[in-house]
Amino acid sequence: VSLSAVCERRHGETMWREGNCVSCLCDDGKPSCFTELCEEQVTCTNALQVKNQCCPVCLDEPEALERKQCTVDNMTYSVGDDWREDECTTCMCIAGDLTPS
């Protein structure tokens, strides 16, 4: 199934994920996708691949798991969550960073 066909089926949806590292949205009926890049190479011996997250985290760094969420206006979002800021802006939490679209 082509991504253009997916846009026809997902009309009105804001964003979706194509696997752990690629997020897509429909822009005028055409797919627009971007790939999440990991900030740094994980070199620890106890790396954990968290479900629905692209980049692994080190278990010996517990604060790494805590960073995998976004807080906006006293609301906390998990990685992969999206929400509408206003009529024209949809945001998604990706690896603890906000990505507006």
PDB file of N, CA and C in Angstrom:
ATOM      1  N   VAL A   1       0.850  -1.179   0.000  1.00  0.00           N
ATOM      2  CA  VAL A   1       0.000   0.000   0.000  1.00  0.00           C
ATOM      3  C   VAL A   1       0.889   1.233   0.000  1.00  0.00           C
ATOM      4  N   SER A   2       0.661   2.137  -0.924  1.00  0.00           N
ATOM      5  CA  SER A   2       1.463   3.356  -0.989  1.00  0.00           C
ATOM      6  C   SER A   2       1.051   4.314   0.121  1.00  0.00           C
ATOM      7  N   LEU A   3       1.975   5.200   0.486  1.00  0.00           N
ATOM      8  CA  LEU A   3       1.651   6.187   1.513  1.00  0.00           C
ATOM      9  C   LEU A   3       0.576   7.150   1.035  1.00  0.00           C
ATOM     10  N   SER A   4       0.494   7.402  -0.274  1.00  0.00           N
ATOM     11  CA  SER A   4      -0.572   8.272  -0.793  1.00  0.00           C
ATOM     12  C   SER A   4      -1.935   7.640  -0.534  1.00  0.00           C
ATOM     13  N   ALA A   5      -2.039   6.322  -0.715  1.00  0.00           N
ATOM     14  CA  ALA A   5      -3.290   5.624  -0.432  1.00  0.00           C
ATOM     15  C   ALA A   5      -3.607   5.689   1.060  1.00  0.00           C
ATOM     16  N   VAL A   6      -2.562   5.622   1.887  1.00  0.00           N
ATOM     17  CA  VAL A   6      -2.757   5.725   3.334  1.00  0.00           C
ATOM     18  C   VAL A   6      -3.344   7.087   3.670  1.00  0.00           C
ATOM     19  N   CYS A   7      -2.898   8.148   3.010  1.00  0.00           N
ATOM     20  CA  CYS A   7      -3.442   9.487   3.256  1.00  0.00           C
ATOM     21  C   CYS A   7      -4.930   9.535   2.942  1.00  0.00           C
ATOM     22  N   GLU A   8      -5.354   8.843   1.902  1.00  0.00           N
ATOM     23  CA  GLU A   8      -6.777   8.818   1.576  1.00  0.00           C
ATOM     24  C   GLU A   8      -7.568   8.146   2.697  1.00  0.00           C
ATOM     25  N   ARG A   9      -7.037   7.072   3.262  1.00  0.00           N
ATOM     26  CA  ARG A   9      -7.715   6.358   4.346  1.00  0.00           C
ATOM     27  C   ARG A   9      -7.648   7.124   5.654  1.00  0.00           C
ATOM     28  N   ARG A  10      -6.593   7.878   5.881  1.00  0.00           N
ATOM     29  CA  ARG A  10      -6.376   8.560   7.148  1.00  0.00           C
ATOM     30  C   ARG A  10      -6.783  10.021   7.103  1.00  0.00           C
ATOM     31  N   HIS A  11      -7.585  10.406   6.144  1.00  0.00           N
ATOM     32  CA  HIS A  11      -8.012  11.800   6.010  1.00  0.00           C
ATOM     33  C   HIS A  11      -8.563  12.311   7.346  1.00  0.00           C
ATOM     34  N   GLY A  12      -8.038  13.420   7.804  1.00  0.00           N
ATOM     35  CA  GLY A  12      -8.488  14.006   9.059  1.00  0.00           C
ATOM     36  C   GLY A  12      -7.640  13.605  10.252  1.00  0.00           C
ATOM     37  N   GLU A  13      -6.864  12.504  10.125  1.00  0.00           N
ATOM     38  CA  GLU A  13      -5.964  12.129  11.213  1.00  0.00           C
ATOM     39  C   GLU A  13      -4.777  13.061  11.196  1.00  0.00           C
ATOM     40  N   THR A  14      -4.212  13.297  12.362  1.00  0.00           N
ATOM     41  CA  THR A  14      -3.114  14.243  12.420  1.00  0.00           C
ATOM     42  C   THR A  14      -1.778  13.588  12.093  1.00  0.00           C
ATOM     43  N   MET A  15      -1.373  12.597  12.857  1.00  0.00           N
ATOM     44  CA  MET A  15      -0.083  11.946  12.638  1.00  0.00           C
ATOM     45  C   MET A  15      -0.200  10.468  12.925  1.00  0.00           C
ATOM     46  N   TRP A  16       0.686   9.704  12.341  1.00  0.00           N
ATOM     47  CA  TRP A  16       0.794   8.294  12.655  1.00  0.00           C
ATOM     48  C   TRP A  16       2.255   7.888  12.523  1.00  0.00           C
ATOM     49  N   ARG A  17       2.574   6.738  13.071  1.00  0.00           N
ATOM     50  CA  ARG A  17       3.945   6.244  13.023  1.00  0.00           C
ATOM     51  C   ARG A  17       4.041   5.086  12.048  1.00  0.00           C
ATOM     52  N   GLU A  18       5.097   5.070  11.292  1.00  0.00           N
ATOM     53  CA  GLU A  18       5.442   3.965  10.403  1.00  0.00           C
ATOM     54  C   GLU A  18       6.645   3.281  11.030  1.00  0.00           C
ATOM     55  N   GLY A  19       6.408   2.392  11.971  1.00  0.00           N
ATOM     56  CA  GLY A  19       7.503   1.771  12.709  1.00  0.00           C
ATOM     57  C   GLY A  19       7.909   2.674  13.861  1.00  0.00           C
ATOM     58  N   ASN A  20       9.000   2.335  14.512  1.00  0.00           N
ATOM     59  CA  ASN A  20       9.424   3.083  15.695  1.00  0.00           C
ATOM     60  C   ASN A  20      10.064   4.425  15.380  1.00  0.00           C
ATOM     61  N   CYS A  21      10.659   4.585  14.210  1.00  0.00           N
ATOM     62  CA  CYS A  21      11.484   5.768  13.965  1.00  0.00           C
ATOM     63  C   CYS A  21      10.942   6.728  12.912  1.00  0.00           C
ATOM     64  N   VAL A  22       9.824   6.421  12.292  1.00  0.00           N
ATOM     65  CA  VAL A  22       9.296   7.279  11.231  1.00  0.00           C
ATOM     66  C   VAL A  22       7.892   7.740  11.605  1.00  0.00           C
ATOM     67  N   SER A  23       7.671   9.050  11.573  1.00  0.00           N
ATOM     68  CA  SER A  23       6.354   9.634  11.806  1.00  0.00           C
ATOM     69  C   SER A  23       5.886  10.308  10.522  1.00  0.00           C
ATOM     70  N   CYS A  24       4.585  10.220  10.260  1.00  0.00           N
ATOM     71  CA  CYS A  24       4.031  10.769   9.020  1.00  0.00           C
ATOM     72  C   CYS A  24       2.772  11.573   9.315  1.00  0.00           C
ATOM     73  N   LEU A  25       2.473  12.468   8.388  1.00  0.00           N
ATOM     74  CA  LEU A  25       1.212  13.194   8.418  1.00  0.00           C
ATOM     75  C   LEU A  25       0.797  13.443   6.985  1.00  0.00           C
ATOM     76  N   CYS A  26      -0.476  13.704   6.786  1.00  0.00           N
ATOM     77  CA  CYS A  26      -0.988  14.000   5.450  1.00  0.00           C
ATOM     78  C   CYS A  26      -1.071  15.511   5.282  1.00  0.00           C
ATOM     79  N   ASP A  27      -0.472  15.997   4.229  1.00  0.00           N
ATOM     80  CA  ASP A  27      -0.464  17.420   3.923  1.00  0.00           C
ATOM     81  C   ASP A  27      -1.068  17.582   2.533  1.00  0.00           C
ATOM     82  N   ASP A  28      -2.291  18.096   2.473  1.00  0.00           N
ATOM     83  CA  ASP A  28      -3.028  18.217   1.209  1.00  0.00           C
ATOM     84  C   ASP A  28      -3.117  16.880   0.482  1.00  0.00           C
ATOM     85  N   GLY A  29      -3.370  15.809   1.241  1.00  0.00           N
ATOM     86  CA  GLY A  29      -3.542  14.491   0.640  1.00  0.00           C
ATOM     87  C   GLY A  29      -2.260  13.770   0.302  1.00  0.00           C
ATOM     88  N   LYS A  30      -1.133  14.387   0.573  1.00  0.00           N
ATOM     89  CA  LYS A  30       0.155  13.760   0.278  1.00  0.00           C
ATOM     90  C   LYS A  30       0.883  13.483   1.590  1.00  0.00           C
ATOM     91  N   PRO A  31       1.543  12.320   1.675  1.00  0.00           N
ATOM     92  CA  PRO A  31       2.239  11.998   2.919  1.00  0.00           C
ATOM     93  C   PRO A  31       3.507  12.823   3.078  1.00  0.00           C
ATOM     94  N   SER A  32       3.751  13.217   4.296  1.00  0.00           N
ATOM     95  CA  SER A  32       4.993  13.902   4.653  1.00  0.00           C
ATOM     96  C   SER A  32       5.539  13.151   5.864  1.00  0.00           C
ATOM     97  N   CYS A  33       6.684  12.520   5.715  1.00  0.00           N
ATOM     98  CA  CYS A  33       7.255  11.695   6.777  1.00  0.00           C
ATOM     99  C   CYS A  33       8.630  12.217   7.165  1.00  0.00           C
ATOM    100  N   PHE A  34       8.979  11.975   8.414  1.00  0.00           N
ATOM    101  CA  PHE A  34      10.320  12.311   8.861  1.00  0.00           C
ATOM    102  C   PHE A  34      10.824  11.189   9.746  1.00  0.00           C
ATOM    103  N   THR A  35      12.147  11.024   9.759  1.00  0.00           N
ATOM    104  CA  THR A  35      12.787   9.970  10.536  1.00  0.00           C
ATOM    105  C   THR A  35      13.436  10.575  11.763  1.00  0.00           C
ATOM    106  N   GLU A  36      13.133   9.993  12.900  1.00  0.00           N
ATOM    107  CA  GLU A  36      13.749  10.437  14.151  1.00  0.00           C
ATOM    108  C   GLU A  36      15.206   9.972  14.171  1.00  0.00           C
ATOM    109  N   LEU A  37      16.068  10.851  14.576  1.00  0.00           N
ATOM    110  CA  LEU A  37      17.479  10.511  14.710  1.00  0.00           C
ATOM    111  C   LEU A  37      17.839  10.469  16.185  1.00  0.00           C
ATOM    112  N   CYS A  38      18.590   9.474  16.570  1.00  0.00           N
ATOM    113  CA  CYS A  38      19.023   9.366  17.962  1.00  0.00           C
ATOM    114  C   CYS A  38      20.139  10.380  18.203  1.00  0.00           C
ATOM    115  N   GLU A  39      20.047  11.071  19.341  1.00  0.00           N
ATOM    116  CA  GLU A  39      21.018  12.121  19.643  1.00  0.00           C
ATOM    117  C   GLU A  39      22.429  11.578  19.793  1.00  0.00           C
ATOM    118  N   GLU A  40      22.548  10.410  20.351  1.00  0.00           N
ATOM    119  CA  GLU A  40      23.875   9.850  20.557  1.00  0.00           C
ATOM    120  C   GLU A  40      23.805   8.337  20.451  1.00  0.00           C
ATOM    121  N   GLN A  41      24.925   7.743  20.109  1.00  0.00           N
ATOM    122  CA  GLN A  41      25.013   6.295  20.016  1.00  0.00           C
ATOM    123  C   GLN A  41      25.009   5.693  21.417  1.00  0.00           C
ATOM    124  N   VAL A  42      24.189   4.692  21.653  1.00  0.00           N
ATOM    125  CA  VAL A  42      24.125   4.050  22.961  1.00  0.00           C
ATOM    126  C   VAL A  42      25.283   3.056  23.059  1.00  0.00           C
ATOM    127  N   THR A  43      26.106   3.257  24.078  1.00  0.00           N
ATOM    128  CA  THR A  43      27.283   2.397  24.237  1.00  0.00           C
ATOM    129  C   THR A  43      27.260   1.613  25.543  1.00  0.00           C
ATOM    130  N   CYS A  44      26.190   1.726  26.325  1.00  0.00           N
ATOM    131  CA  CYS A  44      26.127   1.025  27.603  1.00  0.00           C
ATOM    132  C   CYS A  44      25.874  -0.464  27.380  1.00  0.00           C
ATOM    133  N   THR A  45      26.123  -1.248  28.407  1.00  0.00           N
ATOM    134  CA  THR A  45      25.911  -2.688  28.299  1.00  0.00           C
ATOM    135  C   THR A  45      24.463  -3.075  28.578  1.00  0.00           C
ATOM    136  N   ASN A  46      23.703  -2.215  29.252  1.00  0.00           N
ATOM    137  CA  ASN A  46      22.313  -2.514  29.596  1.00  0.00           C
ATOM    138  C   ASN A  46      21.356  -1.610  28.819  1.00  0.00           C
ATOM    139  N   ALA A  47      21.385  -1.690  27.497  1.00  0.00           N
ATOM    140  CA  ALA A  47      20.499  -0.865  26.676  1.00  0.00           C
ATOM    141  C   ALA A  47      19.121  -1.508  26.593  1.00  0.00           C
ATOM    142  N   LEU A  48      18.098  -0.677  26.614  1.00  0.00           N
ATOM    143  CA  LEU A  48      16.719  -1.145  26.541  1.00  0.00           C
ATOM    144  C   LEU A  48      16.032  -0.460  25.369  1.00  0.00           C
ATOM    145  N   GLN A  49      15.395  -1.261  24.520  1.00  0.00           N
ATOM    146  CA  GLN A  49      14.598  -0.700  23.435  1.00  0.00           C
ATOM    147  C   GLN A  49      13.171  -0.567  23.945  1.00  0.00           C
ATOM    148  N   VAL A  50      12.713   0.658  24.170  1.00  0.00           N
ATOM    149  CA  VAL A  50      11.382   0.919  24.712  1.00  0.00           C
ATOM    150  C   VAL A  50      10.370   0.856  23.571  1.00  0.00           C
ATOM    151  N   LYS A  51       9.243   0.191  23.832  1.00  0.00           N
ATOM    152  CA  LYS A  51       8.202   0.049  22.819  1.00  0.00           C
ATOM    153  C   LYS A  51       7.769   1.415  22.289  1.00  0.00           C
ATOM    154  N   ASN A  52       7.620   1.509  20.980  1.00  0.00           N
ATOM    155  CA  ASN A  52       7.186   2.723  20.280  1.00  0.00           C
ATOM    156  C   ASN A  52       8.185   3.863  20.370  1.00  0.00           C
ATOM    157  N   GLN A  53       9.424   3.568  20.697  1.00  0.00           N
ATOM    158  CA  GLN A  53      10.467   4.588  20.706  1.00  0.00           C
ATOM    159  C   GLN A  53      11.591   4.144  19.778  1.00  0.00           C
ATOM    160  N   CYS A  54      12.170   5.085  19.089  1.00  0.00           N
ATOM    161  CA  CYS A  54      13.211   4.777  18.130  1.00  0.00           C
ATOM    162  C   CYS A  54      14.543   4.479  18.804  1.00  0.00           C
ATOM    163  N   CYS A  55      14.912   5.308  19.737  1.00  0.00           N
ATOM    164  CA  CYS A  55      16.249   5.236  20.321  1.00  0.00           C
ATOM    165  C   CYS A  55      16.252   4.433  21.618  1.00  0.00           C
ATOM    166  N   PRO A  56      17.190   3.509  21.756  1.00  0.00           N
ATOM    167  CA  PRO A  56      17.294   2.763  23.014  1.00  0.00           C
ATOM    168  C   PRO A  56      17.790   3.660  24.139  1.00  0.00           C
ATOM    169  N   VAL A  57      17.519   3.255  25.384  1.00  0.00           N
ATOM    170  CA  VAL A  57      18.003   3.983  26.559  1.00  0.00           C
ATOM    171  C   VAL A  57      18.825   3.027  27.407  1.00  0.00           C
ATOM    172  N   CYS A  58      19.697   3.592  28.218  1.00  0.00           N
ATOM    173  CA  CYS A  58      20.552   2.795  29.091  1.00  0.00           C
ATOM    174  C   CYS A  58      19.859   2.560  30.427  1.00  0.00           C
ATOM    175  N   LEU A  59      19.775   1.317  30.837  1.00  0.00           N
ATOM    176  CA  LEU A  59      19.153   1.005  32.121  1.00  0.00           C
ATOM    177  C   LEU A  59      19.971   1.519  33.289  1.00  0.00           C
ATOM    178  N   ASP A  60      21.288   1.693  33.100  1.00  0.00           N
ATOM    179  CA  ASP A  60      22.105   2.208  34.181  1.00  0.00           C
ATOM    180  C   ASP A  60      21.982   3.724  34.295  1.00  0.00           C
ATOM    181  N   GLU A  61      21.107   4.340  33.493  1.00  0.00           N
ATOM    182  CA  GLU A  61      20.808   5.768  33.586  1.00  0.00           C
ATOM    183  C   GLU A  61      19.296   5.920  33.724  1.00  0.00           C
ATOM    184  N   PRO A  62      18.740   5.705  34.941  1.00  0.00           N
ATOM    185  CA  PRO A  62      17.279   5.731  35.096  1.00  0.00           C
ATOM    186  C   PRO A  62      16.634   7.041  34.662  1.00  0.00           C
ATOM    187  N   GLU A  63      17.366   8.146  34.741  1.00  0.00           N
ATOM    188  CA  GLU A  63      16.770   9.412  34.320  1.00  0.00           C
ATOM    189  C   GLU A  63      16.520   9.440  32.822  1.00  0.00           C
ATOM    190  N   ALA A  64      17.167   8.554  32.067  1.00  0.00           N
ATOM    191  CA  ALA A  64      16.942   8.506  30.620  1.00  0.00           C
ATOM    192  C   ALA A  64      15.497   8.129  30.315  1.00  0.00           C
ATOM    193  N   LEU A  65      14.930   7.208  31.093  1.00  0.00           N
ATOM    194  CA  LEU A  65      13.535   6.835  30.880  1.00  0.00           C
ATOM    195  C   LEU A  65      12.599   7.977  31.231  1.00  0.00           C
ATOM    196  N   GLU A  66      12.940   8.745  32.252  1.00  0.00           N
ATOM    197  CA  GLU A  66      12.097   9.859  32.658  1.00  0.00           C
ATOM    198  C   GLU A  66      12.075  10.954  31.607  1.00  0.00           C
ATOM    199  N   ARG A  67      13.161  11.113  30.841  1.00  0.00           N
ATOM    200  CA  ARG A  67      13.225  12.150  29.817  1.00  0.00           C
ATOM    201  C   ARG A  67      12.355  11.808  28.615  1.00  0.00           C
ATOM    202  N   LYS A  68      11.860  10.602  28.522  1.00  0.00           N
ATOM    203  CA  LYS A  68      11.112  10.181  27.347  1.00  0.00           C
ATOM    204  C   LYS A  68       9.644  10.567  27.443  1.00  0.00           C
ATOM    205  N   GLN A  69       9.398  11.812  27.808  1.00  0.00           N
ATOM    206  CA  GLN A  69       8.049  12.356  27.813  1.00  0.00           C
ATOM    207  C   GLN A  69       8.151  13.865  27.638  1.00  0.00           C
ATOM    208  N   CYS A  70       7.051  14.478  27.301  1.00  0.00           N
ATOM    209  CA  CYS A  70       7.017  15.922  27.096  1.00  0.00           C
ATOM    210  C   CYS A  70       6.000  16.527  28.055  1.00  0.00           C
ATOM    211  N   THR A  71       6.324  17.684  28.590  1.00  0.00           N
ATOM    212  CA  THR A  71       5.387  18.402  29.445  1.00  0.00           C
ATOM    213  C   THR A  71       5.129  19.768  28.823  1.00  0.00           C
ATOM    214  N   VAL A  72       3.848  20.052  28.590  1.00  0.00           N
ATOM    215  CA  VAL A  72       3.437  21.317  27.985  1.00  0.00           C
ATOM    216  C   VAL A  72       2.223  21.818  28.757  1.00  0.00           C
ATOM    217  N   ASP A  73       2.317  23.042  29.257  1.00  0.00           N
ATOM    218  CA  ASP A  73       1.198  23.646  29.991  1.00  0.00           C
ATOM    219  C   ASP A  73       0.658  22.705  31.070  1.00  0.00           C
ATOM    220  N   ASN A  74       1.567  22.145  31.849  1.00  0.00           N
ATOM    221  CA  ASN A  74       1.240  21.232  32.955  1.00  0.00           C
ATOM    222  C   ASN A  74       0.586  19.931  32.512  1.00  0.00           C
ATOM    223  N   MET A  75       0.659  19.607  31.225  1.00  0.00           N
ATOM    224  CA  MET A  75       0.170  18.322  30.713  1.00  0.00           C
ATOM    225  C   MET A  75       1.379  17.497  30.302  1.00  0.00           C
ATOM    226  N   THR A  76       1.385  16.201  30.657  1.00  0.00           N
ATOM    227  CA  THR A  76       2.496  15.325  30.310  1.00  0.00           C
ATOM    228  C   THR A  76       2.049  14.375  29.205  1.00  0.00           C
ATOM    229  N   TYR A  77       2.881  14.267  28.160  1.00  0.00           N
ATOM    230  CA  TYR A  77       2.600  13.408  27.016  1.00  0.00           C
ATOM    231  C   TYR A  77       3.711  12.381  26.888  1.00  0.00           C
ATOM    232  N   SER A  78       3.341  11.172  26.517  1.00  0.00           N
ATOM    233  CA  SER A  78       4.316  10.116  26.267  1.00  0.00           C
ATOM    234  C   SER A  78       4.854  10.261  24.855  1.00  0.00           C
ATOM    235  N   VAL A  79       6.013   9.652  24.601  1.00  0.00           N
ATOM    236  CA  VAL A  79       6.576   9.661  23.260  1.00  0.00           C
ATOM    237  C   VAL A  79       5.565   9.037  22.305  1.00  0.00           C
ATOM    238  N   GLY A  80       5.329   9.707  21.184  1.00  0.00           N
ATOM    239  CA  GLY A  80       4.373   9.235  20.192  1.00  0.00           C
ATOM    240  C   GLY A  80       2.997   9.867  20.320  1.00  0.00           C
ATOM    241  N   ASP A  81       2.700  10.471  21.477  1.00  0.00           N
ATOM    242  CA  ASP A  81       1.410  11.144  21.638  1.00  0.00           C
ATOM    243  C   ASP A  81       1.374  12.396  20.775  1.00  0.00           C
ATOM    244  N   ASP A  82       0.211  12.694  20.221  1.00  0.00           N
ATOM    245  CA  ASP A  82       0.060  13.967  19.512  1.00  0.00           C
ATOM    246  C   ASP A  82      -1.190  14.667  20.021  1.00  0.00           C
ATOM    247  N   TRP A  83      -1.218  15.973  19.855  1.00  0.00           N
ATOM    248  CA  TRP A  83      -2.329  16.793  20.326  1.00  0.00           C
ATOM    249  C   TRP A  83      -2.376  18.074  19.511  1.00  0.00           C
ATOM    250  N   ARG A  84      -3.543  18.698  19.516  1.00  0.00           N
ATOM    251  CA  ARG A  84      -3.716  19.949  18.770  1.00  0.00           C
ATOM    252  C   ARG A  84      -3.470  21.120  19.708  1.00  0.00           C
ATOM    253  N   GLU A  85      -2.590  21.996  19.300  1.00  0.00           N
ATOM    254  CA  GLU A  85      -2.336  23.236  20.046  1.00  0.00           C
ATOM    255  C   GLU A  85      -3.388  24.277  19.696  1.00  0.00           C
ATOM    256  N   ASP A  86      -3.726  24.338  18.423  1.00  0.00           N
ATOM    257  CA  ASP A  86      -4.755  25.252  17.942  1.00  0.00           C
ATOM    258  C   ASP A  86      -5.262  24.704  16.608  1.00  0.00           C
ATOM    259  N   GLU A  87      -6.059  25.483  15.915  1.00  0.00           N
ATOM    260  CA  GLU A  87      -6.654  25.016  14.674  1.00  0.00           C
ATOM    261  C   GLU A  87      -5.623  24.640  13.609  1.00  0.00           C
ATOM    262  N   CYS A  88      -4.453  25.260  13.658  1.00  0.00           N
ATOM    263  CA  CYS A  88      -3.452  25.051  12.611  1.00  0.00           C
ATOM    264  C   CYS A  88      -2.213  24.279  13.072  1.00  0.00           C
ATOM    265  N   THR A  89      -2.090  23.982  14.349  1.00  0.00           N
ATOM    266  CA  THR A  89      -0.863  23.365  14.851  1.00  0.00           C
ATOM    267  C   THR A  89      -1.157  22.075  15.598  1.00  0.00           C
ATOM    268  N   THR A  90      -0.520  21.004  15.129  1.00  0.00           N
ATOM    269  CA  THR A  90      -0.558  19.723  15.829  1.00  0.00           C
ATOM    270  C   THR A  90       0.857  19.442  16.307  1.00  0.00           C
ATOM    271  N   CYS A  91       0.988  18.989  17.539  1.00  0.00           N
ATOM    272  CA  CYS A  91       2.300  18.677  18.090  1.00  0.00           C
ATOM    273  C   CYS A  91       2.393  17.190  18.390  1.00  0.00           C
ATOM    274  N   MET A  92       3.618  16.682  18.399  1.00  0.00           N
ATOM    275  CA  MET A  92       3.862  15.293  18.751  1.00  0.00           C
ATOM    276  C   MET A  92       5.073  15.248  19.659  1.00  0.00           C
ATOM    277  N   CYS A  93       5.010  14.404  20.665  1.00  0.00           N
ATOM    278  CA  CYS A  93       6.145  14.214  21.563  1.00  0.00           C
ATOM    279  C   CYS A  93       7.048  13.133  20.978  1.00  0.00           C
ATOM    280  N   ILE A  94       8.278  13.506  20.692  1.00  0.00           N
ATOM    281  CA  ILE A  94       9.253  12.575  20.125  1.00  0.00           C
ATOM    282  C   ILE A  94      10.517  12.637  20.959  1.00  0.00           C
ATOM    283  N   ALA A  95      10.817  11.548  21.654  1.00  0.00           N
ATOM    284  CA  ALA A  95      12.034  11.421  22.465  1.00  0.00           C
ATOM    285  C   ALA A  95      12.190  12.588  23.432  1.00  0.00           C
ATOM    286  N   GLY A  96      11.087  13.021  24.024  1.00  0.00           N
ATOM    287  CA  GLY A  96      11.142  14.090  25.010  1.00  0.00           C
ATOM    288  C   GLY A  96      11.183  15.475  24.417  1.00  0.00           C
ATOM    289  N   ASP A  97      11.144  15.581  23.077  1.00  0.00           N
ATOM    290  CA  ASP A  97      11.154  16.879  22.401  1.00  0.00           C
ATOM    291  C   ASP A  97       9.838  17.067  21.675  1.00  0.00           C
ATOM    292  N   LEU A  98       9.368  18.299  21.628  1.00  0.00           N
ATOM    293  CA  LEU A  98       8.130  18.605  20.912  1.00  0.00           C
ATOM    294  C   LEU A  98       8.427  18.815  19.448  1.00  0.00           C
ATOM    295  N   THR A  99       7.556  18.277  18.605  1.00  0.00           N
ATOM    296  CA  THR A  99       7.694  18.465  17.180  1.00  0.00           C
ATOM    297  C   THR A  99       6.379  19.020  16.651  1.00  0.00           C
ATOM    298  N   PRO A 100       6.315  20.338  16.385  1.00  0.00           N
ATOM    299  CA  PRO A 100       5.081  20.898  15.828  1.00  0.00           C
ATOM    300  C   PRO A 100       4.978  20.603  14.342  1.00  0.00           C
ATOM    301  N   SER A 101       3.762  20.513  13.860  1.00  0.00           N
ATOM    302  CA  SER A 101       3.566  20.327  12.421  1.00  0.00           C
ATOM    303  C   SER A 101       2.403  21.191  11.970  1.00  0.00           C
TER     304      SER A 101
END
